[in-house]
Amino acid sequence: MKTLHVSVLASLFAVAPLLPAQTSTESSNISRSPGGARAEHTVKTTATVVGIVPATRTISLKRADGRIIDIQAGDEVRNFDKIKVGDKVTAQYTQALSLNLEKGGSAPAKGSGTTEVTRAPVGAQPGGKVGTQVDILADVVAVDPKNKVVTLRGPQGNLVDLEVQDPDQLKRVKKGDQVRAVYSEALAIAVEPASTSAPGK
């Protein structure tokens, strides 16, 4: 299987039309542990390459609902010439958020972010993916059991109200604690050659 990757911003703009709710498959998973929770959501869809303009590196894709869209692959997409009409394109976008309580934390509130891009070597099958992750440590400045709200102060001093519906989780949180939030996004576009996507033809 070949994987086609475009830059982070280009990916977001190019893939958005590929992910219509009515022709996508979605899956969600939520897990909880004492003082922690994680939620993950994935959207996956497929399209078929129906046209290629090498001069502008433009690919025309036909979605499952019949709509044809054009996306432009930047110069960072290696081995563009391997993409052929009839190839199947699969786009998968995943978001995840995890929250963990740190009792009596004393570290200063902080935030950091990373972006990781992986591409295949020159001459290999097109391949790569992009992922971003944001890690934030926030201070618990107030707990409102009646309204089930925990107020957090972030690294920039901004206040955020976090609704906590689970009473068992809420009772664990006290003013002076800290909450670590990790948010991540991952995007992959896989291109399956027509010769392998249609056996016997």
N, C-alpha and C. Protein backbone atom coordinates (compact mmCIF):
# COMPACT_ATOMS: atom_id res chain seq x y z
N MET A 1 0.84 -1.19 0.00
CA MET A 1 0.00 0.00 0.00
C MET A 1 0.88 1.24 0.00
N LYS A 2 0.51 2.25 -0.77
CA LYS A 2 1.26 3.50 -0.83
C LYS A 2 0.55 4.53 0.04
N THR A 3 1.34 5.39 0.65
CA THR A 3 0.75 6.44 1.46
C THR A 3 1.16 7.79 0.92
N LEU A 4 0.21 8.64 0.65
CA LEU A 4 0.44 9.97 0.12
C LEU A 4 0.29 10.97 1.25
N HIS A 5 1.30 11.80 1.47
CA HIS A 5 1.24 12.77 2.55
C HIS A 5 1.49 14.17 2.02
N VAL A 6 0.72 15.13 2.46
CA VAL A 6 0.96 16.53 2.15
C VAL A 6 1.23 17.24 3.46
N SER A 7 1.70 18.50 3.39
CA SER A 7 2.08 19.22 4.60
C SER A 7 0.90 19.40 5.53
N VAL A 8 1.19 19.79 6.78
CA VAL A 8 0.15 19.85 7.80
C VAL A 8 -1.02 20.73 7.38
N LEU A 9 -0.75 21.97 7.01
CA LEU A 9 -1.84 22.87 6.64
C LEU A 9 -2.49 22.42 5.34
N ALA A 10 -1.67 22.03 4.38
CA ALA A 10 -2.24 21.57 3.11
C ALA A 10 -3.11 20.35 3.33
N SER A 11 -2.71 19.49 4.23
CA SER A 11 -3.51 18.30 4.51
C SER A 11 -4.88 18.68 5.03
N LEU A 12 -4.90 19.62 5.97
CA LEU A 12 -6.17 20.00 6.56
C LEU A 12 -7.12 20.57 5.52
N PHE A 13 -6.57 21.38 4.62
CA PHE A 13 -7.43 21.98 3.60
C PHE A 13 -7.83 20.96 2.54
N ALA A 14 -6.90 20.08 2.18
CA ALA A 14 -7.18 19.13 1.10
C ALA A 14 -8.07 17.99 1.55
N VAL A 15 -7.93 17.55 2.78
CA VAL A 15 -8.66 16.38 3.22
C VAL A 15 -10.07 16.71 3.67
N ALA A 16 -10.30 17.92 4.11
CA ALA A 16 -11.64 18.29 4.60
C ALA A 16 -12.75 17.89 3.63
N PRO A 17 -12.63 18.18 2.31
CA PRO A 17 -13.70 17.77 1.40
C PRO A 17 -13.79 16.26 1.23
N LEU A 18 -12.76 15.54 1.64
CA LEU A 18 -12.77 14.09 1.49
C LEU A 18 -13.59 13.41 2.56
N LEU A 19 -13.93 14.13 3.61
CA LEU A 19 -14.54 13.50 4.77
C LEU A 19 -15.99 13.92 5.00
N PRO A 20 -16.88 13.76 4.00
CA PRO A 20 -18.28 14.08 4.21
C PRO A 20 -18.90 13.08 5.17
N ALA A 21 -19.68 13.56 6.11
CA ALA A 21 -20.23 12.67 7.14
C ALA A 21 -21.05 11.53 6.54
N GLN A 22 -21.76 11.82 5.44
CA GLN A 22 -22.66 10.81 4.91
C GLN A 22 -21.94 9.68 4.20
N THR A 23 -20.66 9.84 3.87
CA THR A 23 -19.94 8.78 3.17
C THR A 23 -18.71 8.33 3.94
N SER A 24 -18.65 8.64 5.22
CA SER A 24 -17.52 8.26 6.04
C SER A 24 -17.93 7.24 7.08
N THR A 25 -16.96 6.50 7.55
CA THR A 25 -17.19 5.63 8.70
C THR A 25 -16.52 6.28 9.90
N GLU A 26 -17.20 6.26 11.02
CA GLU A 26 -16.68 6.90 12.21
C GLU A 26 -16.69 5.91 13.37
N SER A 27 -15.72 6.07 14.24
CA SER A 27 -15.67 5.25 15.45
C SER A 27 -15.19 6.11 16.60
N SER A 28 -15.75 5.86 17.78
CA SER A 28 -15.38 6.61 18.97
C SER A 28 -15.14 5.64 20.12
N ASN A 29 -14.23 6.02 20.98
CA ASN A 29 -13.94 5.19 22.14
C ASN A 29 -13.65 6.08 23.34
N ILE A 30 -14.30 5.80 24.45
CA ILE A 30 -14.09 6.56 25.68
C ILE A 30 -13.73 5.58 26.79
N SER A 31 -12.65 5.86 27.47
CA SER A 31 -12.24 5.01 28.59
C SER A 31 -11.99 5.89 29.82
N ARG A 32 -12.27 5.32 30.98
CA ARG A 32 -12.11 6.07 32.23
C ARG A 32 -11.32 5.23 33.22
N SER A 33 -10.56 5.92 34.05
CA SER A 33 -9.84 5.30 35.15
C SER A 33 -9.89 6.29 36.31
N PRO A 34 -9.60 5.85 37.53
CA PRO A 34 -9.63 6.79 38.66
C PRO A 34 -8.73 8.00 38.42
N GLY A 35 -9.35 9.18 38.33
CA GLY A 35 -8.58 10.40 38.11
C GLY A 35 -8.16 10.62 36.68
N GLY A 36 -8.73 9.87 35.74
CA GLY A 36 -8.32 10.03 34.36
C GLY A 36 -9.39 9.62 33.38
N ALA A 37 -9.27 10.12 32.15
CA ALA A 37 -10.21 9.75 31.09
C ALA A 37 -9.54 9.99 29.75
N ARG A 38 -9.96 9.21 28.76
CA ARG A 38 -9.43 9.37 27.41
C ARG A 38 -10.56 9.16 26.40
N ALA A 39 -10.61 10.04 25.42
CA ALA A 39 -11.61 9.94 24.35
C ALA A 39 -10.89 9.99 23.01
N GLU A 40 -11.33 9.13 22.09
CA GLU A 40 -10.71 9.08 20.76
C GLU A 40 -11.80 8.97 19.71
N HIS A 41 -11.62 9.71 18.62
CA HIS A 41 -12.60 9.71 17.54
C HIS A 41 -11.86 9.60 16.21
N THR A 42 -12.30 8.69 15.36
CA THR A 42 -11.66 8.47 14.07
C THR A 42 -12.67 8.53 12.94
N VAL A 43 -12.31 9.23 11.87
CA VAL A 43 -13.13 9.31 10.67
C VAL A 43 -12.32 8.74 9.51
N LYS A 44 -12.95 7.86 8.75
CA LYS A 44 -12.25 7.22 7.63
C LYS A 44 -13.15 7.22 6.41
N THR A 45 -12.59 7.54 5.26
CA THR A 45 -13.37 7.55 4.03
C THR A 45 -12.49 7.17 2.85
N THR A 46 -13.10 6.83 1.73
CA THR A 46 -12.34 6.45 0.54
C THR A 46 -12.82 7.23 -0.67
N ALA A 47 -11.95 7.35 -1.66
CA ALA A 47 -12.27 8.01 -2.92
C ALA A 47 -11.43 7.36 -4.01
N THR A 48 -11.79 7.64 -5.27
CA THR A 48 -11.08 7.06 -6.41
C THR A 48 -10.44 8.16 -7.24
N VAL A 49 -9.20 7.94 -7.66
CA VAL A 49 -8.51 8.90 -8.52
C VAL A 49 -9.12 8.82 -9.92
N VAL A 50 -9.68 9.93 -10.39
CA VAL A 50 -10.30 9.94 -11.72
C VAL A 50 -9.59 10.88 -12.68
N GLY A 51 -8.61 11.62 -12.19
CA GLY A 51 -7.86 12.52 -13.07
C GLY A 51 -6.60 13.01 -12.40
N ILE A 52 -5.55 13.23 -13.21
CA ILE A 52 -4.28 13.73 -12.70
C ILE A 52 -3.74 14.77 -13.67
N VAL A 53 -3.31 15.92 -13.14
CA VAL A 53 -2.66 16.95 -13.95
C VAL A 53 -1.24 17.11 -13.41
N PRO A 54 -0.26 16.42 -14.01
CA PRO A 54 1.10 16.46 -13.48
C PRO A 54 1.70 17.86 -13.40
N ALA A 55 1.39 18.71 -14.37
CA ALA A 55 1.99 20.05 -14.40
C ALA A 55 1.67 20.85 -13.15
N THR A 56 0.47 20.67 -12.63
CA THR A 56 0.07 21.41 -11.42
C THR A 56 -0.01 20.51 -10.20
N ARG A 57 0.34 19.25 -10.37
CA ARG A 57 0.29 18.25 -9.29
C ARG A 57 -1.11 18.20 -8.66
N THR A 58 -2.10 18.25 -9.53
CA THR A 58 -3.49 18.22 -9.09
C THR A 58 -4.08 16.82 -9.30
N ILE A 59 -4.78 16.34 -8.29
CA ILE A 59 -5.43 15.03 -8.35
C ILE A 59 -6.93 15.22 -8.22
N SER A 60 -7.70 14.66 -9.15
CA SER A 60 -9.16 14.71 -9.06
C SER A 60 -9.63 13.41 -8.42
N LEU A 61 -10.44 13.55 -7.38
CA LEU A 61 -10.93 12.39 -6.64
C LEU A 61 -12.44 12.33 -6.68
N LYS A 62 -12.97 11.13 -6.87
CA LYS A 62 -14.42 10.91 -6.84
C LYS A 62 -14.78 10.24 -5.53
N ARG A 63 -15.60 10.93 -4.73
CA ARG A 63 -16.01 10.40 -3.44
C ARG A 63 -17.10 9.35 -3.62
N ALA A 64 -17.41 8.69 -2.52
CA ALA A 64 -18.45 7.66 -2.55
C ALA A 64 -19.81 8.22 -2.91
N ASP A 65 -20.04 9.51 -2.63
CA ASP A 65 -21.34 10.11 -2.95
C ASP A 65 -21.39 10.63 -4.38
N GLY A 66 -20.31 10.40 -5.17
CA GLY A 66 -20.30 10.80 -6.57
C GLY A 66 -19.69 12.16 -6.83
N ARG A 67 -19.46 12.94 -5.80
CA ARG A 67 -18.88 14.28 -5.99
C ARG A 67 -17.41 14.17 -6.33
N ILE A 68 -16.95 14.98 -7.28
CA ILE A 68 -15.55 15.01 -7.67
C ILE A 68 -14.89 16.26 -7.10
N ILE A 69 -13.77 16.08 -6.42
CA ILE A 69 -13.04 17.20 -5.84
C ILE A 69 -11.60 17.17 -6.33
N ASP A 70 -10.96 18.32 -6.33
CA ASP A 70 -9.56 18.42 -6.73
C ASP A 70 -8.71 18.77 -5.52
N ILE A 71 -7.59 18.08 -5.36
CA ILE A 71 -6.63 18.45 -4.33
C ILE A 71 -5.28 18.60 -4.99
N GLN A 72 -4.45 19.45 -4.41
CA GLN A 72 -3.13 19.69 -4.97
C GLN A 72 -2.07 19.14 -4.02
N ALA A 73 -1.21 18.30 -4.55
CA ALA A 73 -0.14 17.71 -3.74
C ALA A 73 1.09 18.60 -3.84
N GLY A 74 1.59 19.05 -2.71
CA GLY A 74 2.76 19.92 -2.70
C GLY A 74 4.01 19.17 -3.12
N ASP A 75 5.11 19.92 -3.27
CA ASP A 75 6.37 19.32 -3.69
C ASP A 75 6.89 18.30 -2.69
N GLU A 76 6.42 18.40 -1.44
CA GLU A 76 6.90 17.46 -0.42
C GLU A 76 6.30 16.07 -0.57
N VAL A 77 5.32 15.91 -1.47
CA VAL A 77 4.76 14.58 -1.74
C VAL A 77 5.70 13.87 -2.70
N ARG A 78 6.43 12.90 -2.17
CA ARG A 78 7.41 12.20 -2.99
C ARG A 78 6.75 11.14 -3.86
N ASN A 79 7.39 10.88 -5.01
CA ASN A 79 6.94 9.83 -5.93
C ASN A 79 5.50 10.06 -6.41
N PHE A 80 5.22 11.32 -6.71
CA PHE A 80 3.89 11.69 -7.21
C PHE A 80 3.54 10.90 -8.46
N ASP A 81 4.57 10.60 -9.28
CA ASP A 81 4.31 9.93 -10.55
C ASP A 81 3.80 8.50 -10.40
N LYS A 82 3.85 7.95 -9.20
CA LYS A 82 3.34 6.59 -8.97
C LYS A 82 1.81 6.56 -8.85
N ILE A 83 1.21 7.72 -8.65
CA ILE A 83 -0.25 7.78 -8.50
C ILE A 83 -0.89 7.70 -9.89
N LYS A 84 -1.85 6.80 -10.05
CA LYS A 84 -2.47 6.57 -11.35
C LYS A 84 -3.99 6.68 -11.23
N VAL A 85 -4.62 6.98 -12.38
CA VAL A 85 -6.09 6.99 -12.44
C VAL A 85 -6.59 5.59 -12.09
N GLY A 86 -7.60 5.53 -11.24
CA GLY A 86 -8.15 4.26 -10.80
C GLY A 86 -7.68 3.86 -9.42
N ASP A 87 -6.61 4.49 -8.94
CA ASP A 87 -6.14 4.19 -7.59
C ASP A 87 -7.20 4.55 -6.56
N LYS A 88 -7.21 3.84 -5.46
CA LYS A 88 -8.14 4.10 -4.37
C LYS A 88 -7.42 4.89 -3.28
N VAL A 89 -8.05 5.95 -2.82
CA VAL A 89 -7.47 6.80 -1.78
C VAL A 89 -8.29 6.64 -0.50
N THR A 90 -7.61 6.37 0.59
CA THR A 90 -8.25 6.28 1.89
C THR A 90 -7.68 7.36 2.80
N ALA A 91 -8.56 8.18 3.35
CA ALA A 91 -8.15 9.22 4.29
C ALA A 91 -8.65 8.85 5.68
N GLN A 92 -7.75 8.93 6.65
CA GLN A 92 -8.13 8.63 8.03
C GLN A 92 -7.62 9.74 8.94
N TYR A 93 -8.54 10.29 9.72
CA TYR A 93 -8.22 11.40 10.62
C TYR A 93 -8.64 11.00 12.03
N THR A 94 -7.72 11.10 12.97
CA THR A 94 -7.98 10.69 14.35
C THR A 94 -7.68 11.83 15.31
N GLN A 95 -8.59 12.06 16.24
CA GLN A 95 -8.40 13.03 17.31
C GLN A 95 -8.48 12.27 18.64
N ALA A 96 -7.65 12.66 19.59
CA ALA A 96 -7.68 12.02 20.90
C ALA A 96 -7.40 13.05 21.99
N LEU A 97 -8.08 12.90 23.11
CA LEU A 97 -7.88 13.79 24.25
C LEU A 97 -7.84 12.95 25.51
N SER A 98 -6.79 13.13 26.29
CA SER A 98 -6.70 12.44 27.57
C SER A 98 -6.52 13.46 28.69
N LEU A 99 -7.18 13.21 29.81
CA LEU A 99 -7.09 14.07 30.99
C LEU A 99 -6.67 13.22 32.18
N ASN A 100 -5.69 13.70 32.92
CA ASN A 100 -5.23 12.97 34.09
C ASN A 100 -5.03 13.93 35.26
N LEU A 101 -5.56 13.54 36.41
CA LEU A 101 -5.46 14.35 37.62
C LEU A 101 -4.14 14.08 38.31
N GLU A 102 -3.45 15.15 38.69
CA GLU A 102 -2.21 15.04 39.45
C GLU A 102 -2.44 15.69 40.80
N LYS A 103 -2.56 14.87 41.83
CA LYS A 103 -2.91 15.37 43.16
C LYS A 103 -1.78 16.22 43.74
N GLY A 104 -2.19 17.41 44.24
CA GLY A 104 -1.24 18.29 44.91
C GLY A 104 -0.03 18.66 44.08
N GLY A 105 -0.23 18.76 42.77
CA GLY A 105 0.89 19.08 41.88
C GLY A 105 1.50 20.43 42.21
N SER A 106 2.82 20.53 42.11
CA SER A 106 3.50 21.78 42.43
C SER A 106 4.25 22.37 41.25
N ALA A 107 4.26 21.67 40.13
CA ALA A 107 4.96 22.19 38.95
C ALA A 107 4.20 23.37 38.38
N PRO A 108 4.90 24.35 37.80
CA PRO A 108 4.21 25.49 37.20
C PRO A 108 3.37 25.05 36.00
N ALA A 109 2.22 25.70 35.82
CA ALA A 109 1.39 25.41 34.65
C ALA A 109 2.21 25.66 33.39
N LYS A 110 2.07 24.78 32.43
CA LYS A 110 2.87 24.94 31.21
C LYS A 110 2.17 24.26 30.04
N GLY A 111 2.61 24.59 28.86
CA GLY A 111 2.07 23.98 27.66
C GLY A 111 3.16 23.79 26.63
N SER A 112 3.07 22.73 25.87
CA SER A 112 4.05 22.47 24.81
C SER A 112 3.36 21.73 23.68
N GLY A 113 3.92 21.85 22.50
CA GLY A 113 3.34 21.18 21.35
C GLY A 113 4.42 20.64 20.44
N THR A 114 4.12 19.55 19.78
CA THR A 114 5.06 18.95 18.83
C THR A 114 4.33 18.53 17.57
N THR A 115 5.03 18.59 16.47
CA THR A 115 4.50 18.11 15.19
C THR A 115 5.51 17.14 14.61
N GLU A 116 5.04 15.98 14.19
CA GLU A 116 5.93 14.96 13.64
C GLU A 116 5.47 14.59 12.24
N VAL A 117 6.38 14.71 11.30
CA VAL A 117 6.09 14.37 9.91
C VAL A 117 7.06 13.30 9.45
N THR A 118 6.55 12.24 8.89
CA THR A 118 7.38 11.14 8.40
C THR A 118 7.11 10.92 6.92
N ARG A 119 8.18 10.86 6.14
CA ARG A 119 8.02 10.61 4.70
C ARG A 119 8.89 9.43 4.29
N ALA A 120 8.49 8.79 3.22
CA ALA A 120 9.27 7.66 2.70
C ALA A 120 10.54 8.18 2.03
N PRO A 121 11.58 7.36 1.98
CA PRO A 121 12.81 7.75 1.29
C PRO A 121 12.55 7.97 -0.20
N VAL A 122 13.38 8.79 -0.81
CA VAL A 122 13.25 9.02 -2.25
C VAL A 122 13.40 7.70 -2.99
N GLY A 123 12.49 7.45 -3.92
CA GLY A 123 12.54 6.23 -4.70
C GLY A 123 11.69 5.10 -4.16
N ALA A 124 11.29 5.22 -2.90
CA ALA A 124 10.45 4.19 -2.30
C ALA A 124 8.99 4.47 -2.62
N GLN A 125 8.12 3.56 -2.23
CA GLN A 125 6.69 3.80 -2.39
C GLN A 125 6.33 5.07 -1.61
N PRO A 126 5.42 5.90 -2.18
CA PRO A 126 5.02 7.10 -1.44
C PRO A 126 4.54 6.71 -0.05
N GLY A 127 5.04 7.38 0.96
CA GLY A 127 4.65 7.02 2.32
C GLY A 127 4.90 8.15 3.29
N GLY A 128 4.13 8.16 4.36
CA GLY A 128 4.34 9.16 5.39
C GLY A 128 3.07 9.46 6.14
N LYS A 129 3.22 10.20 7.21
CA LYS A 129 2.07 10.60 8.00
C LYS A 129 2.42 11.87 8.77
N VAL A 130 1.40 12.53 9.28
CA VAL A 130 1.62 13.72 10.08
C VAL A 130 0.84 13.59 11.38
N GLY A 131 1.46 14.00 12.46
CA GLY A 131 0.79 13.96 13.76
C GLY A 131 1.17 15.16 14.59
N THR A 132 0.24 15.69 15.33
CA THR A 132 0.51 16.81 16.23
C THR A 132 0.03 16.45 17.62
N GLN A 133 0.72 16.97 18.62
CA GLN A 133 0.32 16.72 20.00
C GLN A 133 0.56 17.96 20.84
N VAL A 134 -0.41 18.29 21.66
CA VAL A 134 -0.32 19.43 22.58
C VAL A 134 -0.45 18.90 23.99
N ASP A 135 0.49 19.26 24.84
CA ASP A 135 0.53 18.80 26.23
C ASP A 135 0.39 20.01 27.14
N ILE A 136 -0.64 20.03 27.97
CA ILE A 136 -0.90 21.18 28.84
C ILE A 136 -1.04 20.72 30.28
N LEU A 137 -0.37 21.43 31.18
CA LEU A 137 -0.51 21.19 32.61
C LEU A 137 -1.19 22.42 33.21
N ALA A 138 -2.38 22.24 33.79
CA ALA A 138 -3.18 23.36 34.30
C ALA A 138 -3.45 23.19 35.79
N ASP A 139 -3.62 24.32 36.48
CA ASP A 139 -3.90 24.32 37.91
C ASP A 139 -5.40 24.32 38.18
N VAL A 140 -5.84 23.52 39.14
CA VAL A 140 -7.23 23.55 39.59
C VAL A 140 -7.37 24.70 40.58
N VAL A 141 -8.17 25.71 40.21
CA VAL A 141 -8.32 26.88 41.08
C VAL A 141 -9.68 26.90 41.77
N ALA A 142 -10.62 26.10 41.31
CA ALA A 142 -11.94 26.05 41.96
C ALA A 142 -12.66 24.78 41.57
N VAL A 143 -13.46 24.27 42.50
CA VAL A 143 -14.30 23.09 42.24
C VAL A 143 -15.72 23.42 42.69
N ASP A 144 -16.67 23.28 41.77
CA ASP A 144 -18.07 23.58 42.06
C ASP A 144 -18.87 22.28 41.95
N PRO A 145 -19.01 21.54 43.07
CA PRO A 145 -19.72 20.25 43.04
C PRO A 145 -21.17 20.39 42.61
N LYS A 146 -21.82 21.48 42.99
CA LYS A 146 -23.24 21.66 42.67
C LYS A 146 -23.46 21.69 41.16
N ASN A 147 -22.63 22.45 40.47
CA ASN A 147 -22.77 22.59 39.02
C ASN A 147 -21.86 21.64 38.24
N LYS A 148 -21.12 20.80 38.98
CA LYS A 148 -20.23 19.81 38.37
C LYS A 148 -19.21 20.46 37.44
N VAL A 149 -18.58 21.51 37.95
CA VAL A 149 -17.62 22.26 37.15
C VAL A 149 -16.30 22.40 37.90
N VAL A 150 -15.21 22.16 37.20
CA VAL A 150 -13.86 22.38 37.72
C VAL A 150 -13.24 23.52 36.91
N THR A 151 -12.73 24.53 37.60
CA THR A 151 -12.11 25.67 36.92
C THR A 151 -10.60 25.49 36.91
N LEU A 152 -10.02 25.57 35.71
CA LEU A 152 -8.59 25.39 35.52
C LEU A 152 -7.94 26.69 35.08
N ARG A 153 -6.70 26.92 35.55
CA ARG A 153 -5.91 28.04 35.06
C ARG A 153 -4.78 27.49 34.21
N GLY A 154 -4.75 27.92 32.95
CA GLY A 154 -3.75 27.42 32.02
C GLY A 154 -2.43 28.15 32.10
N PRO A 155 -1.48 27.78 31.23
CA PRO A 155 -0.14 28.36 31.24
C PRO A 155 -0.11 29.87 31.01
N GLN A 156 -1.08 30.39 30.26
CA GLN A 156 -1.13 31.82 29.99
C GLN A 156 -1.97 32.58 30.99
N GLY A 157 -2.42 31.90 32.04
CA GLY A 157 -3.25 32.55 33.05
C GLY A 157 -4.72 32.55 32.71
N ASN A 158 -5.09 31.96 31.58
CA ASN A 158 -6.50 31.92 31.17
C ASN A 158 -7.26 30.88 31.99
N LEU A 159 -8.53 31.18 32.28
CA LEU A 159 -9.37 30.28 33.06
C LEU A 159 -10.30 29.49 32.14
N VAL A 160 -10.43 28.21 32.40
CA VAL A 160 -11.29 27.34 31.61
C VAL A 160 -12.14 26.51 32.55
N ASP A 161 -13.45 26.49 32.30
CA ASP A 161 -14.37 25.67 33.09
C ASP A 161 -14.52 24.31 32.42
N LEU A 162 -14.23 23.27 33.17
CA LEU A 162 -14.32 21.90 32.67
C LEU A 162 -15.48 21.20 33.35
N GLU A 163 -16.47 20.77 32.55
CA GLU A 163 -17.63 20.08 33.11
C GLU A 163 -17.29 18.61 33.36
N VAL A 164 -17.56 18.16 34.59
CA VAL A 164 -17.26 16.78 34.97
C VAL A 164 -18.57 16.12 35.43
N GLN A 165 -19.15 15.30 34.57
CA GLN A 165 -20.44 14.68 34.88
C GLN A 165 -20.31 13.48 35.82
N ASP A 166 -19.16 12.83 35.80
CA ASP A 166 -18.97 11.63 36.63
C ASP A 166 -18.72 12.05 38.08
N PRO A 167 -19.64 11.77 38.99
CA PRO A 167 -19.48 12.19 40.39
C PRO A 167 -18.26 11.57 41.07
N ASP A 168 -17.91 10.34 40.68
CA ASP A 168 -16.73 9.70 41.27
C ASP A 168 -15.45 10.42 40.87
N GLN A 169 -15.42 10.90 39.64
CA GLN A 169 -14.25 11.66 39.19
C GLN A 169 -14.22 13.03 39.86
N LEU A 170 -15.37 13.66 39.95
CA LEU A 170 -15.44 15.01 40.50
C LEU A 170 -14.99 15.06 41.95
N LYS A 171 -15.35 14.07 42.73
CA LYS A 171 -15.01 14.11 44.15
C LYS A 171 -13.52 13.91 44.40
N ARG A 172 -12.80 13.46 43.40
CA ARG A 172 -11.36 13.30 43.54
C ARG A 172 -10.60 14.62 43.37
N VAL A 173 -11.26 15.59 42.74
CA VAL A 173 -10.57 16.84 42.39
C VAL A 173 -10.69 17.86 43.51
N LYS A 174 -9.55 18.45 43.88
CA LYS A 174 -9.51 19.47 44.91
C LYS A 174 -8.74 20.68 44.41
N LYS A 175 -9.08 21.83 44.97
CA LYS A 175 -8.32 23.04 44.65
C LYS A 175 -6.86 22.81 45.01
N GLY A 176 -5.97 23.20 44.12
CA GLY A 176 -4.55 22.98 44.34
C GLY A 176 -4.01 21.79 43.57
N ASP A 177 -4.90 20.93 43.10
CA ASP A 177 -4.47 19.83 42.24
C ASP A 177 -4.11 20.37 40.86
N GLN A 178 -3.59 19.52 40.03
CA GLN A 178 -3.31 19.89 38.65
C GLN A 178 -3.91 18.85 37.71
N VAL A 179 -4.21 19.30 36.51
CA VAL A 179 -4.76 18.41 35.48
C VAL A 179 -3.85 18.48 34.26
N ARG A 180 -3.44 17.32 33.79
CA ARG A 180 -2.63 17.26 32.57
C ARG A 180 -3.54 16.84 31.42
N ALA A 181 -3.57 17.67 30.39
CA ALA A 181 -4.38 17.38 29.21
C ALA A 181 -3.45 17.16 28.02
N VAL A 182 -3.68 16.09 27.30
CA VAL A 182 -2.89 15.80 26.11
C VAL A 182 -3.86 15.64 24.94
N TYR A 183 -3.72 16.52 23.94
CA TYR A 183 -4.58 16.48 22.75
C TYR A 183 -3.71 16.13 21.55
N SER A 184 -4.17 15.19 20.76
CA SER A 184 -3.39 14.79 19.59
C SER A 184 -4.28 14.64 18.37
N GLU A 185 -3.68 14.87 17.21
CA GLU A 185 -4.33 14.68 15.92
C GLU A 185 -3.40 13.87 15.03
N ALA A 186 -3.95 13.02 14.22
CA ALA A 186 -3.14 12.25 13.28
C ALA A 186 -3.88 12.15 11.95
N LEU A 187 -3.14 12.32 10.88
CA LEU A 187 -3.74 12.29 9.55
C LEU A 187 -2.92 11.39 8.64
N ALA A 188 -3.58 10.49 7.95
CA ALA A 188 -2.90 9.62 6.99
C ALA A 188 -3.76 9.48 5.75
N ILE A 189 -3.10 9.48 4.59
CA ILE A 189 -3.80 9.25 3.33
C ILE A 189 -3.11 8.09 2.64
N ALA A 190 -3.81 7.01 2.42
CA ALA A 190 -3.23 5.83 1.78
C ALA A 190 -3.76 5.71 0.36
N VAL A 191 -2.86 5.42 -0.58
CA VAL A 191 -3.24 5.24 -1.98
C VAL A 191 -2.97 3.80 -2.38
N GLU A 192 -4.04 3.08 -2.72
CA GLU A 192 -3.91 1.68 -3.12
C GLU A 192 -3.99 1.58 -4.64
N PRO A 193 -2.96 1.06 -5.28
CA PRO A 193 -2.96 0.97 -6.74
C PRO A 193 -4.17 0.22 -7.28
N ALA A 194 -4.67 0.68 -8.41
CA ALA A 194 -5.86 0.05 -9.01
C ALA A 194 -5.62 -1.42 -9.30
N SER A 195 -4.39 -1.79 -9.63
CA SER A 195 -4.09 -3.18 -9.98
C SER A 195 -4.29 -4.13 -8.82
N THR A 196 -4.12 -3.61 -7.57
CA THR A 196 -4.31 -4.47 -6.40
C THR A 196 -5.67 -4.29 -5.78
N SER A 197 -6.34 -3.16 -6.09
CA SER A 197 -7.66 -2.93 -5.50
C SER A 197 -8.74 -3.65 -6.28
N ALA A 198 -8.41 -4.12 -7.50
CA ALA A 198 -9.40 -4.83 -8.31
C ALA A 198 -8.78 -6.12 -8.83
N PRO A 199 -8.67 -7.15 -7.98
CA PRO A 199 -8.04 -8.41 -8.36
C PRO A 199 -8.73 -9.04 -9.57
N GLY A 200 -7.91 -9.62 -10.43
CA GLY A 200 -8.47 -10.36 -11.55
C GLY A 200 -8.84 -9.51 -12.73
N LYS A 201 -8.62 -8.18 -12.61
CA LYS A 201 -8.95 -7.31 -13.74
C LYS A 201 -7.68 -6.80 -14.41
